[in-house]
Amino acid sequence: MEIKETIPMKMLSNQAVRDWIKEQTLPFRTLMSYYKCAMMEIETKFNVLNEEFSLQHDRNPIETIKTRLKSPESIGEKLQRKDLPLTCDAVEKNINDVAGVRVICSFIDDVYLLADALLKQDDIKLIKKKDYIQNPKPEGYRSLHLIIEVPIFLAEEKRPMRVEIQLRTIAMDFWASLEHQLKYKKNIQHNQYVIEELKKCAEVNAELDRRMAEIKKTLNI
């Protein structure tokens, strides 16, 4: 199915965004369904890898898999920030994180094991990679981010769709979840004490991951 543009404007008012969201046009709903299909494809791939590695190593490298679809409000706001038209075409070409898959792993080496295994698959195309584990963000955030393209097979076409994948350990996810709550519940940007404490907690988490990895290595599991 061809997805046609809906509101081809370069600059949009807040009301235009609200109107677009309220209308929930068929092209937009169709595009969102494609992103949902792409998330299902990626989730299935990771479940298959988890099953394979559990047989090889007698343990599961994946603790949980979470998926999320960006809200229409967030999509509209992001298009506005980028000074892009409010169209389905603009969404598909310019926003890489509409569909998100988060993979929570037991150990740091599991993160890279799973990422490498996924990227070796011949139907996966890597668009962008950001390693915030080796190079944490200033506030302490750690995770491996991949933007990939995966094909979805529809009744009459094969369509490549982009998905953002975040791979992190349990400790990294714990820190990120709490930091997110603090950041969005309260304005901490100018609270230096809280910022420094969060960075210290991130370092404690990183040390925990390193020590657990050493124990795993000692036990040869």
Protein backbone atom coordinates (compact mmCIF):
# COMPACT_ATOMS: atom_id res chain seq x y z
CA MET A 1 0.00 0.00 0.00
CA GLU A 2 1.33 3.42 -0.93
CA ILE A 3 1.48 5.85 1.97
CA LYS A 4 0.58 9.35 0.84
CA GLU A 5 1.60 12.57 2.49
CA THR A 6 -0.96 14.20 4.76
CA ILE A 7 0.05 17.77 5.64
CA PRO A 8 2.91 18.98 3.41
CA MET A 9 3.97 22.07 5.41
CA LYS A 10 7.43 23.25 6.32
CA MET A 11 6.35 25.04 9.50
CA LEU A 12 3.43 23.91 11.65
CA SER A 13 1.58 25.40 14.60
CA ASN A 14 0.88 23.40 17.74
CA GLN A 15 -2.75 23.32 16.67
CA ALA A 16 -1.78 21.72 13.35
CA VAL A 17 0.05 18.98 15.24
CA ARG A 18 -2.97 18.41 17.49
CA ASP A 19 -5.29 18.30 14.47
CA TRP A 20 -3.03 15.75 12.77
CA ILE A 21 -2.97 13.58 15.88
CA LYS A 22 -6.74 13.87 16.30
CA GLU A 23 -7.44 12.92 12.73
CA GLN A 24 -5.28 9.76 12.90
CA THR A 25 -5.46 9.43 9.15
CA LEU A 26 -5.38 6.02 7.52
CA PRO A 27 -1.90 6.58 5.98
CA PHE A 28 -0.46 7.35 9.43
CA ARG A 29 -2.15 4.35 11.06
CA THR A 30 -0.90 2.17 8.22
CA LEU A 31 2.65 3.40 8.69
CA MET A 32 2.47 2.71 12.43
CA SER A 33 1.29 -0.83 11.70
CA TYR A 34 4.39 -1.31 9.53
CA TYR A 35 6.60 -0.21 12.41
CA LYS A 36 4.80 -2.66 14.70
CA CYS A 37 5.53 -5.44 12.21
CA ALA A 38 9.20 -4.44 12.15
CA MET A 39 9.37 -4.60 15.95
CA MET A 40 7.83 -8.07 15.87
CA GLU A 41 10.47 -9.18 13.34
CA ILE A 42 13.31 -7.95 15.54
CA GLU A 43 11.80 -9.37 18.73
CA THR A 44 11.46 -12.76 17.02
CA LYS A 45 15.09 -12.64 15.87
CA PHE A 46 16.31 -12.00 19.41
CA ASN A 47 14.09 -14.75 20.81
CA VAL A 48 15.58 -17.19 18.32
CA LEU A 49 19.12 -16.11 19.25
CA ASN A 50 18.29 -16.44 22.93
CA GLU A 51 17.06 -19.98 22.39
CA GLU A 52 20.14 -20.91 20.35
CA PHE A 53 22.61 -19.51 22.89
CA SER A 54 20.73 -21.15 25.77
CA LEU A 55 21.39 -24.54 24.14
CA GLN A 56 25.05 -23.73 23.48
CA HIS A 57 25.92 -22.20 26.84
CA ASP A 58 23.21 -23.63 29.13
CA ARG A 59 21.97 -20.16 30.06
CA ASN A 60 19.91 -17.37 28.51
CA PRO A 61 21.83 -14.20 27.61
CA ILE A 62 18.58 -12.20 27.38
CA GLU A 63 16.67 -11.32 30.53
CA THR A 64 13.82 -9.37 28.92
CA ILE A 65 12.83 -7.76 25.63
CA LYS A 66 10.74 -4.60 25.61
CA THR A 67 9.19 -2.87 22.61
CA ARG A 68 7.65 0.55 22.24
CA LEU A 69 6.12 2.63 19.47
CA LYS A 70 6.71 6.38 19.60
CA SER A 71 3.52 8.32 20.34
CA PRO A 72 1.97 10.55 17.66
CA GLU A 73 2.61 13.55 19.92
CA SER A 74 6.33 12.76 20.16
CA ILE A 75 6.56 12.17 16.43
CA GLY A 76 4.89 15.50 15.68
CA GLU A 77 7.12 17.35 18.14
CA LYS A 78 10.25 15.77 16.67
CA LEU A 79 9.26 16.73 13.13
CA GLN A 80 8.72 20.30 14.30
CA ARG A 81 12.11 20.43 16.06
CA LYS A 82 13.74 19.29 12.83
CA ASP A 83 11.69 21.85 10.83
CA LEU A 84 10.21 19.05 8.72
CA PRO A 85 6.75 18.72 7.17
CA LEU A 86 4.13 16.75 9.06
CA THR A 87 3.90 13.89 6.60
CA CYS A 88 4.26 10.13 6.71
CA ASP A 89 7.11 10.39 4.21
CA ALA A 90 9.00 12.76 6.51
CA VAL A 91 8.48 10.39 9.44
CA GLU A 92 9.81 7.38 7.54
CA LYS A 93 12.83 9.16 6.08
CA ASN A 94 13.94 11.28 9.03
CA ILE A 95 12.92 9.69 12.33
CA ASN A 96 14.87 6.56 13.18
CA ASP A 97 13.38 5.77 16.59
CA VAL A 98 9.66 5.47 15.86
CA ALA A 99 9.96 1.75 16.57
CA GLY A 100 12.12 0.80 19.53
CA VAL A 101 13.31 -2.55 20.87
CA ARG A 102 15.19 -2.75 24.17
CA VAL A 103 17.11 -5.93 24.98
CA ILE A 104 18.15 -6.40 28.60
CA CYS A 105 21.11 -8.75 28.96
CA SER A 106 22.74 -10.51 31.88
CA PHE A 107 26.35 -9.50 31.17
CA ILE A 108 28.22 -6.92 29.12
CA ASP A 109 29.68 -9.50 26.74
CA ASP A 110 26.13 -10.73 26.05
CA VAL A 111 25.33 -7.27 24.69
CA TYR A 112 28.06 -7.52 22.06
CA LEU A 113 27.43 -11.21 21.39
CA LEU A 114 23.79 -10.55 20.53
CA ALA A 115 24.51 -7.38 18.56
CA ASP A 116 27.14 -9.13 16.42
CA ALA A 117 24.87 -12.13 15.83
CA LEU A 118 21.99 -9.90 14.73
CA LEU A 119 24.11 -7.78 12.41
CA LYS A 120 25.49 -10.89 10.69
CA GLN A 121 22.01 -11.78 9.44
CA ASP A 122 21.76 -11.03 5.73
CA ASP A 123 18.39 -9.27 5.93
CA ILE A 124 19.60 -6.76 8.54
CA LYS A 125 21.14 -3.49 7.36
CA LEU A 126 23.05 -1.37 9.89
CA ILE A 127 22.29 2.33 9.51
CA LYS A 128 24.02 3.73 12.60
CA LYS A 129 25.78 2.43 15.69
CA LYS A 130 26.48 4.33 18.93
CA ASP A 131 28.35 2.59 21.73
CA TYR A 132 27.54 4.37 24.97
CA ILE A 133 29.06 1.50 26.94
CA GLN A 134 32.59 2.16 25.73
CA ASN A 135 31.86 5.89 25.53
CA PRO A 136 29.23 6.77 28.18
CA LYS A 137 27.24 9.98 27.95
CA PRO A 138 28.41 12.77 30.31
CA GLU A 139 25.61 12.08 32.80
CA GLY A 140 26.61 8.39 33.00
CA TYR A 141 24.17 6.76 30.57
CA ARG A 142 25.41 3.45 29.14
CA SER A 143 23.87 1.34 26.38
CA LEU A 144 24.62 0.06 22.88
CA HIS A 145 22.38 1.68 20.27
CA LEU A 146 21.79 0.29 16.79
CA ILE A 147 19.64 1.80 14.06
CA ILE A 148 18.87 -0.98 11.61
CA GLU A 149 16.63 -1.68 8.63
CA VAL A 150 14.68 -4.91 8.53
CA PRO A 151 12.31 -6.02 5.76
CA ILE A 152 8.68 -6.78 6.53
CA PHE A 153 6.77 -8.97 4.11
CA LEU A 154 3.31 -7.69 3.25
CA ALA A 155 0.70 -9.20 0.96
CA GLU A 156 2.03 -7.43 -2.13
CA GLU A 157 5.44 -6.04 -1.21
CA LYS A 158 8.59 -6.31 0.85
CA ARG A 159 9.16 -3.08 2.74
CA PRO A 160 12.33 -2.06 4.64
CA MET A 161 11.58 -0.44 8.01
CA ARG A 162 13.90 1.19 10.51
CA VAL A 163 14.09 0.17 14.15
CA GLU A 164 16.15 1.53 17.02
CA ILE A 165 17.63 -1.23 19.17
CA GLN A 166 19.05 -0.60 22.64
CA LEU A 167 21.09 -3.37 24.26
CA ARG A 168 22.11 -3.00 27.89
CA THR A 169 22.72 -4.96 31.07
CA ILE A 170 20.29 -5.23 33.98
CA ALA A 171 22.38 -2.73 35.94
CA MET A 172 22.43 -0.24 33.04
CA ASP A 173 18.67 -0.55 32.61
CA PHE A 174 18.07 -0.04 36.35
CA TRP A 175 20.10 3.19 36.32
CA ALA A 176 18.55 4.48 33.08
CA SER A 177 14.99 3.83 34.29
CA LEU A 178 15.50 5.72 37.54
CA GLU A 179 17.44 8.53 35.86
CA HIS A 180 14.60 8.93 33.35
CA GLN A 181 12.03 9.24 36.15
CA LEU A 182 14.11 11.82 37.98
CA LYS A 183 14.85 13.81 34.84
CA TYR A 184 11.25 14.07 33.68
CA LYS A 185 9.54 14.37 37.05
CA LYS A 186 11.79 17.15 38.31
CA ASN A 187 14.00 19.69 36.58
CA ILE A 188 17.46 18.41 37.50
CA GLN A 189 19.41 20.16 34.76
CA HIS A 190 20.57 22.86 37.17
CA ASN A 191 20.85 20.70 40.31
CA GLN A 192 24.56 19.98 40.37
CA TYR A 193 24.35 17.74 43.44
CA VAL A 194 21.82 15.40 41.81
CA ILE A 195 23.78 15.35 38.56
CA GLU A 196 26.99 14.38 40.37
CA GLU A 197 25.22 11.73 42.43
CA LEU A 198 23.72 10.18 39.29
CA LYS A 199 27.18 10.04 37.70
CA LYS A 200 28.56 8.33 40.80
CA CYS A 201 25.73 5.81 40.74
CA ALA A 202 26.46 5.12 37.07
CA GLU A 203 30.09 4.39 37.95
CA VAL A 204 29.00 2.04 40.74
CA ASN A 205 26.76 0.24 38.24
CA ALA A 206 29.61 -0.02 35.74
CA GLU A 207 31.89 -1.48 38.42
CA LEU A 208 29.18 -4.01 39.30
CA ASP A 209 28.97 -5.08 35.65
CA ARG A 210 32.76 -5.43 35.45
CA ARG A 211 32.96 -7.52 38.61
CA MET A 212 30.08 -9.76 37.59
CA ALA A 213 31.81 -10.30 34.23
CA GLU A 214 34.96 -11.36 36.06
CA ILE A 215 32.99 -13.86 38.17
CA LYS A 216 31.37 -15.22 35.01
CA LYS A 217 34.81 -15.59 33.42
CA THR A 218 36.14 -17.40 36.51
CA LEU A 219 33.22 -19.83 36.44
CA ASN A 220 33.63 -20.27 32.67
CA ILE A 221 29.94 -19.82 31.88
